[in-house]
Amino acid sequence: KEVLRFHVLANSDEDYDQKLKLKVRDEILNKYYNELKKC
């Protein structure tokens, strides 16, 4: 009830899709991290 998780699902288990998933993750975290600290 007190937490919000972050869940990213890759297109497939292929190595390039898994790396892409992590790049999307990093960009989302970098873009919104400062805003999240205000919540």
PDB file of all heavy atoms in Angstrom:
ATOM      1  N   LYS A   1       0.816  -1.218   0.000  1.00  0.00           N
ATOM      2  CA  LYS A   1       0.000   0.000   0.000  1.00  0.00           C
ATOM      3  C   LYS A   1       0.851   1.270   0.000  1.00  0.00           C
ATOM      4  O   LYS A   1       0.385   2.328  -0.388  1.00  0.00           O
ATOM      5  CB  LYS A   1      -0.929   0.031   1.218  1.00  0.00           C
ATOM      6  CG  LYS A   1      -2.083  -0.940   1.167  1.00  0.00           C
ATOM      7  CD  LYS A   1      -3.103  -0.627   2.249  1.00  0.00           C
ATOM      8  CE  LYS A   1      -2.472  -0.618   3.624  1.00  0.00           C
ATOM      9  NZ  LYS A   1      -3.472  -0.380   4.701  1.00  0.00           N
ATOM     10  N   GLU A   2       2.106   1.139   0.445  1.00  0.00           N
ATOM     11  CA  GLU A   2       2.934   2.321   0.655  1.00  0.00           C
ATOM     12  C   GLU A   2       4.039   2.498  -0.371  1.00  0.00           C
ATOM     13  O   GLU A   2       4.806   3.460  -0.287  1.00  0.00           O
ATOM     14  CB  GLU A   2       3.563   2.265   2.059  1.00  0.00           C
ATOM     15  CG  GLU A   2       2.561   2.131   3.192  1.00  0.00           C
ATOM     16  CD  GLU A   2       1.633   3.333   3.296  1.00  0.00           C
ATOM     17  OE1 GLU A   2       1.980   4.403   2.763  1.00  0.00           O
ATOM     18  OE2 GLU A   2       0.549   3.184   3.904  1.00  0.00           O
ATOM     19  N   VAL A   3       4.147   1.579  -1.338  1.00  0.00           N
ATOM     20  CA  VAL A   3       5.236   1.679  -2.317  1.00  0.00           C
ATOM     21  C   VAL A   3       4.699   1.567  -3.743  1.00  0.00           C
ATOM     22  O   VAL A   3       3.615   1.039  -3.980  1.00  0.00           O
ATOM     23  CB  VAL A   3       6.311   0.587  -2.096  1.00  0.00           C
ATOM     24  CG1 VAL A   3       6.882   0.671  -0.688  1.00  0.00           C
ATOM     25  CG2 VAL A   3       5.749  -0.794  -2.356  1.00  0.00           C
ATOM     26  N   LEU A   4       5.482   2.097  -4.674  1.00  0.00           N
ATOM     27  CA  LEU A   4       5.191   1.946  -6.103  1.00  0.00           C
ATOM     28  C   LEU A   4       6.407   1.319  -6.751  1.00  0.00           C
ATOM     29  O   LEU A   4       7.520   1.834  -6.626  1.00  0.00           O
ATOM     30  CB  LEU A   4       4.890   3.300  -6.750  1.00  0.00           C
ATOM     31  CG  LEU A   4       4.577   3.253  -8.256  1.00  0.00           C
ATOM     32  CD1 LEU A   4       3.222   2.583  -8.499  1.00  0.00           C
ATOM     33  CD2 LEU A   4       4.581   4.650  -8.871  1.00  0.00           C
ATOM     34  N   ARG A   5       6.213   0.208  -7.426  1.00  0.00           N
ATOM     35  CA  ARG A   5       7.319  -0.481  -8.087  1.00  0.00           C
ATOM     36  C   ARG A   5       7.450   0.007  -9.529  1.00  0.00           C
ATOM     37  O   ARG A   5       6.575   0.703 -10.062  1.00  0.00           O
ATOM     38  CB  ARG A   5       7.076  -1.997  -8.075  1.00  0.00           C
ATOM     39  CG  ARG A   5       6.741  -2.600  -6.714  1.00  0.00           C
ATOM     40  CD  ARG A   5       7.889  -2.632  -5.745  1.00  0.00           C
ATOM     41  NE  ARG A   5       8.898  -3.619  -6.089  1.00  0.00           N
ATOM     42  CZ  ARG A   5       8.941  -4.845  -5.569  1.00  0.00           C
ATOM     43  NH1 ARG A   5       8.039  -5.232  -4.681  1.00  0.00           N
ATOM     44  NH2 ARG A   5       9.900  -5.687  -5.907  1.00  0.00           N
ATOM     45  N   PHE A   6       8.545  -0.354 -10.170  1.00  0.00           N
ATOM     46  CA  PHE A   6       8.813  -0.016 -11.568  1.00  0.00           C
ATOM     47  C   PHE A   6       9.070  -1.322 -12.298  1.00  0.00           C
ATOM     48  O   PHE A   6       9.915  -2.118 -11.889  1.00  0.00           O
ATOM     49  CB  PHE A   6      10.026   0.911 -11.647  1.00  0.00           C
ATOM     50  CG  PHE A   6      10.340   1.405 -13.030  1.00  0.00           C
ATOM     51  CD1 PHE A   6       9.357   1.551 -13.997  1.00  0.00           C
ATOM     52  CD2 PHE A   6      11.648   1.756 -13.354  1.00  0.00           C
ATOM     53  CE1 PHE A   6       9.665   2.024 -15.271  1.00  0.00           C
ATOM     54  CE2 PHE A   6      11.972   2.240 -14.624  1.00  0.00           C
ATOM     55  CZ  PHE A   6      10.983   2.372 -15.579  1.00  0.00           C
ATOM     56  N   HIS A   7       8.339  -1.562 -13.369  1.00  0.00           N
ATOM     57  CA  HIS A   7       8.350  -2.863 -14.048  1.00  0.00           C
ATOM     58  C   HIS A   7       8.537  -2.628 -15.550  1.00  0.00           C
ATOM     59  O   HIS A   7       7.701  -1.990 -16.192  1.00  0.00           O
ATOM     60  CB  HIS A   7       7.015  -3.559 -13.786  1.00  0.00           C
ATOM     61  CG  HIS A   7       7.017  -5.023 -14.082  1.00  0.00           C
ATOM     62  ND1 HIS A   7       5.868  -5.779 -14.081  1.00  0.00           N
ATOM     63  CD2 HIS A   7       8.016  -5.878 -14.395  1.00  0.00           C
ATOM     64  CE1 HIS A   7       6.164  -7.025 -14.381  1.00  0.00           C
ATOM     65  NE2 HIS A   7       7.458  -7.112 -14.576  1.00  0.00           N
ATOM     66  N   VAL A   8       9.644  -3.110 -16.108  1.00  0.00           N
ATOM     67  CA  VAL A   8       9.930  -2.950 -17.535  1.00  0.00           C
ATOM     68  C   VAL A   8      10.046  -4.330 -18.172  1.00  0.00           C
ATOM     69  O   VAL A   8      10.855  -5.151 -17.742  1.00  0.00           O
ATOM     70  CB  VAL A   8      11.238  -2.163 -17.771  1.00  0.00           C
ATOM     71  CG1 VAL A   8      11.418  -1.891 -19.266  1.00  0.00           C
ATOM     72  CG2 VAL A   8      11.230  -0.855 -17.000  1.00  0.00           C
ATOM     73  N   LEU A   9       9.237  -4.576 -19.191  1.00  0.00           N
ATOM     74  CA  LEU A   9       9.250  -5.866 -19.887  1.00  0.00           C
ATOM     75  C   LEU A   9       9.857  -5.699 -21.272  1.00  0.00           C
ATOM     76  O   LEU A   9       9.414  -4.853 -22.068  1.00  0.00           O
ATOM     77  CB  LEU A   9       7.831  -6.429 -20.018  1.00  0.00           C
ATOM     78  CG  LEU A   9       7.181  -6.940 -18.737  1.00  0.00           C
ATOM     79  CD1 LEU A   9       6.508  -5.796 -18.001  1.00  0.00           C
ATOM     80  CD2 LEU A   9       6.159  -8.008 -19.042  1.00  0.00           C
ATOM     81  N   ALA A  10      10.872  -6.499 -21.573  1.00  0.00           N
ATOM     82  CA  ALA A  10      11.548  -6.450 -22.870  1.00  0.00           C
ATOM     83  C   ALA A  10      10.702  -7.121 -23.948  1.00  0.00           C
ATOM     84  O   ALA A  10       9.828  -7.948 -23.655  1.00  0.00           O
ATOM     85  CB  ALA A  10      12.902  -7.134 -22.779  1.00  0.00           C
ATOM     86  N   ASN A  11      10.989  -6.795 -25.198  1.00  0.00           N
ATOM     87  CA  ASN A  11      10.279  -7.408 -26.319  1.00  0.00           C
ATOM     88  C   ASN A  11      10.505  -8.914 -26.358  1.00  0.00           C
ATOM     89  O   ASN A  11       9.578  -9.687 -26.607  1.00  0.00           O
ATOM     90  CB  ASN A  11      10.759  -6.774 -27.629  1.00  0.00           C
ATOM     91  CG  ASN A  11      10.127  -7.410 -28.854  1.00  0.00           C
ATOM     92  OD1 ASN A  11       8.923  -7.304 -29.082  1.00  0.00           O
ATOM     93  ND2 ASN A  11      10.937  -8.093 -29.652  1.00  0.00           N
ATOM     94  N   SER A  12      11.742  -9.334 -26.099  1.00  0.00           N
ATOM     95  CA  SER A  12      12.079 -10.762 -26.123  1.00  0.00           C
ATOM     96  C   SER A  12      13.294 -10.997 -25.239  1.00  0.00           C
ATOM     97  O   SER A  12      13.818 -10.063 -24.621  1.00  0.00           O
ATOM     98  CB  SER A  12      12.376 -11.227 -27.556  1.00  0.00           C
ATOM     99  OG  SER A  12      13.654 -10.750 -27.978  1.00  0.00           O
ATOM    100  N   ASP A  13      13.757 -12.238 -25.205  1.00  0.00           N
ATOM    101  CA  ASP A  13      14.956 -12.565 -24.431  1.00  0.00           C
ATOM    102  C   ASP A  13      16.231 -12.457 -25.255  1.00  0.00           C
ATOM    103  O   ASP A  13      17.326 -12.785 -24.764  1.00  0.00           O
ATOM    104  CB  ASP A  13      14.846 -13.981 -23.856  1.00  0.00           C
ATOM    105  CG  ASP A  13      13.925 -14.038 -22.648  1.00  0.00           C
ATOM    106  OD1 ASP A  13      13.742 -12.992 -21.996  1.00  0.00           O
ATOM    107  OD2 ASP A  13      13.377 -15.121 -22.366  1.00  0.00           O
ATOM    108  N   GLU A  14      16.100 -12.038 -26.500  1.00  0.00           N
ATOM    109  CA  GLU A  14      17.295 -11.822 -27.318  1.00  0.00           C
ATOM    110  C   GLU A  14      18.180 -10.773 -26.649  1.00  0.00           C
ATOM    111  O   GLU A  14      17.693  -9.837 -26.009  1.00  0.00           O
ATOM    112  CB  GLU A  14      16.917 -11.358 -28.728  1.00  0.00           C
ATOM    113  CG  GLU A  14      16.156 -12.387 -29.547  1.00  0.00           C
ATOM    114  CD  GLU A  14      17.008 -13.601 -29.906  1.00  0.00           C
ATOM    115  OE1 GLU A  14      18.247 -13.494 -29.848  1.00  0.00           O
ATOM    116  OE2 GLU A  14      16.427 -14.645 -30.231  1.00  0.00           O
ATOM    117  N   ASP A  15      19.499 -10.932 -26.806  1.00  0.00           N
ATOM    118  CA  ASP A  15      20.439 -10.049 -26.127  1.00  0.00           C
ATOM    119  C   ASP A  15      20.190  -8.584 -26.464  1.00  0.00           C
ATOM    120  O   ASP A  15      20.223  -7.721 -25.573  1.00  0.00           O
ATOM    121  CB  ASP A  15      21.875 -10.448 -26.511  1.00  0.00           C
ATOM    122  CG  ASP A  15      22.909  -9.649 -25.746  1.00  0.00           C
ATOM    123  OD1 ASP A  15      22.898  -9.712 -24.507  1.00  0.00           O
ATOM    124  OD2 ASP A  15      23.713  -8.949 -26.388  1.00  0.00           O
ATOM    125  N   TYR A  16      19.909  -8.285 -27.744  1.00  0.00           N
ATOM    126  CA  TYR A  16      19.693  -6.889 -28.135  1.00  0.00           C
ATOM    127  C   TYR A  16      18.424  -6.315 -27.512  1.00  0.00           C
ATOM    128  O   TYR A  16      18.374  -5.123 -27.171  1.00  0.00           O
ATOM    129  CB  TYR A  16      19.670  -6.745 -29.663  1.00  0.00           C
ATOM    130  CG  TYR A  16      18.694  -7.645 -30.381  1.00  0.00           C
ATOM    131  CD1 TYR A  16      17.346  -7.329 -30.494  1.00  0.00           C
ATOM    132  CD2 TYR A  16      19.138  -8.833 -30.976  1.00  0.00           C
ATOM    133  CE1 TYR A  16      16.451  -8.158 -31.159  1.00  0.00           C
ATOM    134  CE2 TYR A  16      18.253  -9.677 -31.627  1.00  0.00           C
ATOM    135  CZ  TYR A  16      16.912  -9.329 -31.731  1.00  0.00           C
ATOM    136  OH  TYR A  16      16.028 -10.165 -32.392  1.00  0.00           O
ATOM    137  N   ASP A  17      17.399  -7.134 -27.334  1.00  0.00           N
ATOM    138  CA  ASP A  17      16.169  -6.658 -26.699  1.00  0.00           C
ATOM    139  C   ASP A  17      16.366  -6.428 -25.204  1.00  0.00           C
ATOM    140  O   ASP A  17      15.802  -5.497 -24.622  1.00  0.00           O
ATOM    141  CB  ASP A  17      15.026  -7.649 -26.922  1.00  0.00           C
ATOM    142  CG  ASP A  17      14.374  -7.491 -28.283  1.00  0.00           C
ATOM    143  OD1 ASP A  17      14.471  -6.385 -28.865  1.00  0.00           O
ATOM    144  OD2 ASP A  17      13.761  -8.459 -28.773  1.00  0.00           O
ATOM    145  N   GLN A  18      17.163  -7.292 -24.585  1.00  0.00           N
ATOM    146  CA  GLN A  18      17.447  -7.115 -23.166  1.00  0.00           C
ATOM    147  C   GLN A  18      18.279  -5.850 -22.909  1.00  0.00           C
ATOM    148  O   GLN A  18      18.042  -5.112 -21.949  1.00  0.00           O
ATOM    149  CB  GLN A  18      18.171  -8.339 -22.611  1.00  0.00           C
ATOM    150  CG  GLN A  18      17.302  -9.582 -22.495  1.00  0.00           C
ATOM    151  CD  GLN A  18      16.164  -9.395 -21.504  1.00  0.00           C
ATOM    152  OE1 GLN A  18      16.379  -8.979 -20.365  1.00  0.00           O
ATOM    153  NE2 GLN A  18      14.950  -9.689 -21.925  1.00  0.00           N
ATOM    154  N   LYS A  19      19.236  -5.600 -23.777  1.00  0.00           N
ATOM    155  CA  LYS A  19      20.029  -4.367 -23.646  1.00  0.00           C
ATOM    156  C   LYS A  19      19.162  -3.135 -23.890  1.00  0.00           C
ATOM    157  O   LYS A  19      19.321  -2.110 -23.214  1.00  0.00           O
ATOM    158  CB  LYS A  19      21.199  -4.393 -24.644  1.00  0.00           C
ATOM    159  CG  LYS A  19      22.285  -5.396 -24.283  1.00  0.00           C
ATOM    160  CD  LYS A  19      23.409  -5.383 -25.300  1.00  0.00           C
ATOM    161  CE  LYS A  19      24.505  -6.357 -24.906  1.00  0.00           C
ATOM    162  NZ  LYS A  19      25.610  -6.402 -25.914  1.00  0.00           N
ATOM    163  N   LEU A  20      18.254  -3.237 -24.836  1.00  0.00           N
ATOM    164  CA  LEU A  20      17.347  -2.120 -25.123  1.00  0.00           C
ATOM    165  C   LEU A  20      16.463  -1.836 -23.906  1.00  0.00           C
ATOM    166  O   LEU A  20      16.213  -0.667 -23.568  1.00  0.00           O
ATOM    167  CB  LEU A  20      16.485  -2.455 -26.340  1.00  0.00           C
ATOM    168  CG  LEU A  20      15.476  -1.379 -26.771  1.00  0.00           C
ATOM    169  CD1 LEU A  20      16.209  -0.114 -27.204  1.00  0.00           C
ATOM    170  CD2 LEU A  20      14.606  -1.901 -27.910  1.00  0.00           C
ATOM    171  N   LYS A  21      15.989  -2.863 -23.269  1.00  0.00           N
ATOM    172  CA  LYS A  21      15.168  -2.712 -22.060  1.00  0.00           C
ATOM    173  C   LYS A  21      15.901  -1.883 -21.011  1.00  0.00           C
ATOM    174  O   LYS A  21      15.311  -0.974 -20.394  1.00  0.00           O
ATOM    175  CB  LYS A  21      14.838  -4.088 -21.499  1.00  0.00           C
ATOM    176  CG  LYS A  21      14.164  -4.095 -20.134  1.00  0.00           C
ATOM    177  CD  LYS A  21      14.149  -5.496 -19.520  1.00  0.00           C
ATOM    178  CE  LYS A  21      15.542  -5.943 -19.116  1.00  0.00           C
ATOM    179  NZ  LYS A  21      15.536  -7.293 -18.492  1.00  0.00           N
ATOM    180  N   LEU A  22      17.186  -2.172 -20.820  1.00  0.00           N
ATOM    181  CA  LEU A  22      17.963  -1.464 -19.811  1.00  0.00           C
ATOM    182  C   LEU A  22      18.211  -0.005 -20.201  1.00  0.00           C
ATOM    183  O   LEU A  22      18.260   0.872 -19.339  1.00  0.00           O
ATOM    184  CB  LEU A  22      19.291  -2.181 -19.572  1.00  0.00           C
ATOM    185  CG  LEU A  22      19.176  -3.620 -19.048  1.00  0.00           C
ATOM    186  CD1 LEU A  22      20.562  -4.224 -18.836  1.00  0.00           C
ATOM    187  CD2 LEU A  22      18.378  -3.667 -17.749  1.00  0.00           C
ATOM    188  N   LYS A  23      18.352   0.238 -21.490  1.00  0.00           N
ATOM    189  CA  LYS A  23      18.522   1.623 -21.950  1.00  0.00           C
ATOM    190  C   LYS A  23      17.243   2.434 -21.704  1.00  0.00           C
ATOM    191  O   LYS A  23      17.302   3.611 -21.305  1.00  0.00           O
ATOM    192  CB  LYS A  23      18.895   1.658 -23.437  1.00  0.00           C
ATOM    193  CG  LYS A  23      20.305   1.164 -23.733  1.00  0.00           C
ATOM    194  CD  LYS A  23      20.621   1.242 -25.215  1.00  0.00           C
ATOM    195  CE  LYS A  23      22.033   0.740 -25.512  1.00  0.00           C
ATOM    196  NZ  LYS A  23      23.079   1.610 -24.922  1.00  0.00           N
ATOM    197  N   VAL A  24      16.099   1.811 -21.952  1.00  0.00           N
ATOM    198  CA  VAL A  24      14.819   2.474 -21.669  1.00  0.00           C
ATOM    199  C   VAL A  24      14.699   2.739 -20.167  1.00  0.00           C
ATOM    200  O   VAL A  24      14.313   3.830 -19.747  1.00  0.00           O
ATOM    201  CB  VAL A  24      13.633   1.605 -22.162  1.00  0.00           C
ATOM    202  CG1 VAL A  24      12.308   2.168 -21.654  1.00  0.00           C
ATOM    203  CG2 VAL A  24      13.631   1.541 -23.689  1.00  0.00           C
ATOM    204  N   ARG A  25      15.026   1.738 -19.375  1.00  0.00           N
ATOM    205  CA  ARG A  25      15.008   1.898 -17.922  1.00  0.00           C
ATOM    206  C   ARG A  25      15.852   3.082 -17.472  1.00  0.00           C
ATOM    207  O   ARG A  25      15.398   3.947 -16.717  1.00  0.00           O
ATOM    208  CB  ARG A  25      15.529   0.618 -17.267  1.00  0.00           C
ATOM    209  CG  ARG A  25      15.743   0.722 -15.769  1.00  0.00           C
ATOM    210  CD  ARG A  25      16.752  -0.292 -15.275  1.00  0.00           C
ATOM    211  NE  ARG A  25      18.110   0.003 -15.729  1.00  0.00           N
ATOM    212  CZ  ARG A  25      19.155  -0.777 -15.495  1.00  0.00           C
ATOM    213  NH1 ARG A  25      18.998  -1.922 -14.847  1.00  0.00           N
ATOM    214  NH2 ARG A  25      20.358  -0.437 -15.920  1.00  0.00           N
ATOM    215  N   ASP A  26      17.096   3.115 -17.936  1.00  0.00           N
ATOM    216  CA  ASP A  26      18.018   4.170 -17.507  1.00  0.00           C
ATOM    217  C   ASP A  26      17.499   5.553 -17.872  1.00  0.00           C
ATOM    218  O   ASP A  26      17.599   6.497 -17.076  1.00  0.00           O
ATOM    219  CB  ASP A  26      19.400   3.944 -18.135  1.00  0.00           C
ATOM    220  CG  ASP A  26      20.106   2.722 -17.565  1.00  0.00           C
ATOM    221  OD1 ASP A  26      19.674   2.244 -16.494  1.00  0.00           O
ATOM    222  OD2 ASP A  26      21.069   2.256 -18.191  1.00  0.00           O
ATOM    223  N   GLU A  27      16.956   5.682 -19.077  1.00  0.00           N
ATOM    224  CA  GLU A  27      16.485   6.992 -19.535  1.00  0.00           C
ATOM    225  C   GLU A  27      15.285   7.463 -18.710  1.00  0.00           C
ATOM    226  O   GLU A  27      15.193   8.646 -18.352  1.00  0.00           O
ATOM    227  CB  GLU A  27      16.122   6.933 -21.017  1.00  0.00           C
ATOM    228  CG  GLU A  27      15.829   8.292 -21.639  1.00  0.00           C
ATOM    229  CD  GLU A  27      17.009   9.235 -21.587  1.00  0.00           C
ATOM    230  OE1 GLU A  27      18.175   8.763 -21.607  1.00  0.00           O
ATOM    231  OE2 GLU A  27      16.782  10.469 -21.523  1.00  0.00           O
ATOM    232  N   ILE A  28      14.386   6.552 -18.405  1.00  0.00           N
ATOM    233  CA  ILE A  28      13.214   6.913 -17.590  1.00  0.00           C
ATOM    234  C   ILE A  28      13.665   7.341 -16.196  1.00  0.00           C
ATOM    235  O   ILE A  28      13.205   8.361 -15.660  1.00  0.00           O
ATOM    236  CB  ILE A  28      12.225   5.733 -17.487  1.00  0.00           C
ATOM    237  CG1 ILE A  28      11.646   5.386 -18.868  1.00  0.00           C
ATOM    238  CG2 ILE A  28      11.107   6.050 -16.495  1.00  0.00           C
ATOM    239  CD1 ILE A  28      10.816   6.479 -19.495  1.00  0.00           C
ATOM    240  N   LEU A  29      14.571   6.584 -15.602  1.00  0.00           N
ATOM    241  CA  LEU A  29      15.051   6.920 -14.256  1.00  0.00           C
ATOM    242  C   LEU A  29      15.787   8.249 -14.248  1.00  0.00           C
ATOM    243  O   LEU A  29      15.594   9.082 -13.349  1.00  0.00           O
ATOM    244  CB  LEU A  29      15.957   5.811 -13.726  1.00  0.00           C
ATOM    245  CG  LEU A  29      15.292   4.466 -13.429  1.00  0.00           C
ATOM    246  CD1 LEU A  29      16.331   3.457 -12.941  1.00  0.00           C
ATOM    247  CD2 LEU A  29      14.195   4.620 -12.388  1.00  0.00           C
ATOM    248  N   ASN A  30      16.646   8.471 -15.226  1.00  0.00           N
ATOM    249  CA  ASN A  30      17.396   9.717 -15.289  1.00  0.00           C
ATOM    250  C   ASN A  30      16.490  10.927 -15.506  1.00  0.00           C
ATOM    251  O   ASN A  30      16.708  11.988 -14.919  1.00  0.00           O
ATOM    252  CB  ASN A  30      18.429   9.657 -16.421  1.00  0.00           C
ATOM    253  CG  ASN A  30      19.581   8.709 -16.105  1.00  0.00           C
ATOM    254  OD1 ASN A  30      19.901   8.492 -14.939  1.00  0.00           O
ATOM    255  ND2 ASN A  30      20.182   8.138 -17.133  1.00  0.00           N
ATOM    256  N   LYS A  31      15.457  10.736 -16.310  1.00  0.00           N
ATOM    257  CA  LYS A  31      14.567  11.865 -16.629  1.00  0.00           C
ATOM    258  C   LYS A  31      13.688  12.249 -15.450  1.00  0.00           C
ATOM    259  O   LYS A  31      13.430  13.445 -15.231  1.00  0.00           O
ATOM    260  CB  LYS A  31      13.702  11.513 -17.843  1.00  0.00           C
ATOM    261  CG  LYS A  31      12.767  12.647 -18.253  1.00  0.00           C
ATOM    262  CD  LYS A  31      12.060  12.345 -19.561  1.00  0.00           C
ATOM    263  CE  LYS A  31      11.160  13.519 -19.957  1.00  0.00           C
ATOM    264  NZ  LYS A  31      10.508  13.288 -21.274  1.00  0.00           N
ATOM    265  N   TYR A  32      13.218  11.263 -14.693  1.00  0.00           N
ATOM    266  CA  TYR A  32      12.208  11.555 -13.676  1.00  0.00           C
ATOM    267  C   TYR A  32      12.716  11.458 -12.227  1.00  0.00           C
ATOM    268  O   TYR A  32      11.946  11.731 -11.292  1.00  0.00           O
ATOM    269  CB  TYR A  32      11.017  10.603 -13.848  1.00  0.00           C
ATOM    270  CG  TYR A  32      10.266  10.845 -15.134  1.00  0.00           C
ATOM    271  CD1 TYR A  32      10.350   9.936 -16.187  1.00  0.00           C
ATOM    272  CD2 TYR A  32       9.481  11.981 -15.314  1.00  0.00           C
ATOM    273  CE1 TYR A  32       9.664  10.161 -17.379  1.00  0.00           C
ATOM    274  CE2 TYR A  32       8.794  12.206 -16.492  1.00  0.00           C
ATOM    275  CZ  TYR A  32       8.898  11.292 -17.521  1.00  0.00           C
ATOM    276  OH  TYR A  32       8.221  11.516 -18.695  1.00  0.00           O
ATOM    277  N   TYR A  33      13.968  11.116 -12.046  1.00  0.00           N
ATOM    278  CA  TYR A  33      14.444  10.887 -10.686  1.00  0.00           C
ATOM    279  C   TYR A  33      14.312  12.130  -9.801  1.00  0.00           C
ATOM    280  O   TYR A  33      13.859  12.050  -8.654  1.00  0.00           O
ATOM    281  CB  TYR A  33      15.895  10.406 -10.708  1.00  0.00           C
ATOM    282  CG  TYR A  33      16.436  10.090  -9.336  1.00  0.00           C
ATOM    283  CD1 TYR A  33      15.909   9.035  -8.587  1.00  0.00           C
ATOM    284  CD2 TYR A  33      17.472  10.849  -8.772  1.00  0.00           C
ATOM    285  CE1 TYR A  33      16.394   8.734  -7.325  1.00  0.00           C
ATOM    286  CE2 TYR A  33      17.949  10.553  -7.508  1.00  0.00           C
ATOM    287  CZ  TYR A  33      17.412   9.501  -6.792  1.00  0.00           C
ATOM    288  OH  TYR A  33      17.881   9.214  -5.546  1.00  0.00           O
ATOM    289  N   ASN A  34      14.711  13.284 -10.305  1.00  0.00           N
ATOM    290  CA  ASN A  34      14.631  14.508  -9.506  1.00  0.00           C
ATOM    291  C   ASN A  34      13.192  14.848  -9.137  1.00  0.00           C
ATOM    292  O   ASN A  34      12.920  15.332  -8.030  1.00  0.00           O
ATOM    293  CB  ASN A  34      15.270  15.679 -10.255  1.00  0.00           C
ATOM    294  CG  ASN A  34      16.782  15.561 -10.312  1.00  0.00           C
ATOM    295  OD1 ASN A  34      17.398  14.978  -9.418  1.00  0.00           O
ATOM    296  ND2 ASN A  34      17.382  16.088 -11.365  1.00  0.00           N
ATOM    297  N   GLU A  35      12.253  14.592 -10.054  1.00  0.00           N
ATOM    298  CA  GLU A  35      10.838  14.846  -9.760  1.00  0.00           C
ATOM    299  C   GLU A  35      10.322  13.871  -8.704  1.00  0.00           C
ATOM    300  O   GLU A  35       9.513  14.224  -7.850  1.00  0.00           O
ATOM    301  CB  GLU A  35      10.007  14.728 -11.040  1.00  0.00           C
ATOM    302  CG  GLU A  35      10.290  15.804 -12.068  1.00  0.00           C
ATOM    303  CD  GLU A  35       9.941  17.193 -11.556  1.00  0.00           C
ATOM    304  OE1 GLU A  35       8.965  17.310 -10.792  1.00  0.00           O
ATOM    305  OE2 GLU A  35      10.649  18.143 -11.916  1.00  0.00           O
ATOM    306  N   LEU A  36      10.810  12.640  -8.792  1.00  0.00           N
ATOM    307  CA  LEU A  36      10.354  11.624  -7.830  1.00  0.00           C
ATOM    308  C   LEU A  36      10.759  11.977  -6.410  1.00  0.00           C
ATOM    309  O   LEU A  36      10.037  11.685  -5.449  1.00  0.00           O
ATOM    310  CB  LEU A  36      10.924  10.254  -8.207  1.00  0.00           C
ATOM    311  CG  LEU A  36      10.362   9.604  -9.470  1.00  0.00           C
ATOM    312  CD1 LEU A  36      11.086   8.307  -9.758  1.00  0.00           C
ATOM    313  CD2 LEU A  36       8.880   9.362  -9.330  1.00  0.00           C
ATOM    314  N   LYS A  37      11.922  12.614  -6.263  1.00  0.00           N
ATOM    315  CA  LYS A  37      12.389  12.972  -4.927  1.00  0.00           C
ATOM    316  C   LYS A  37      11.472  13.996  -4.266  1.00  0.00           C
ATOM    317  O   LYS A  37      11.470  14.124  -3.035  1.00  0.00           O
ATOM    318  CB  LYS A  37      13.819  13.501  -4.988  1.00  0.00           C
ATOM    319  CG  LYS A  37      14.847  12.428  -5.319  1.00  0.00           C
ATOM    320  CD  LYS A  37      16.267  12.889  -5.027  1.00  0.00           C
ATOM    321  CE  LYS A  37      16.669  14.039  -5.938  1.00  0.00           C
ATOM    322  NZ  LYS A  37      18.088  14.425  -5.706  1.00  0.00           N
ATOM    323  N   LYS A  38      10.685  14.707  -5.078  1.00  0.00           N
ATOM    324  CA  LYS A  38       9.771  15.707  -4.532  1.00  0.00           C
ATOM    325  C   LYS A  38       8.458  15.086  -4.042  1.00  0.00           C
ATOM    326  O   LYS A  38       7.725  15.726  -3.295  1.00  0.00           O
ATOM    327  CB  LYS A  38       9.465  16.762  -5.596  1.00  0.00           C
ATOM    328  CG  LYS A  38      10.685  17.522  -6.085  1.00  0.00           C
ATOM    329  CD  LYS A  38      10.306  18.473  -7.215  1.00  0.00           C
ATOM    330  CE  LYS A  38      11.536  19.169  -7.782  1.00  0.00           C
ATOM    331  NZ  LYS A  38      11.183  20.056  -8.928  1.00  0.00           N
ATOM    332  N   CYS A  39       8.171  13.870  -4.493  1.00  0.00           N
ATOM    333  CA  CYS A  39       6.919  13.203  -4.089  1.00  0.00           C
ATOM    334  C   CYS A  39       7.042  12.731  -2.647  1.00  0.00           C
ATOM    335  O   CYS A  39       8.010  12.071  -2.282  1.00  0.00           O
ATOM    336  CB  CYS A  39       6.635  12.014  -5.009  1.00  0.00           C
ATOM    337  SG  CYS A  39       6.303  12.477  -6.724  1.00  0.00           S
TER     338      CYS A  39
END
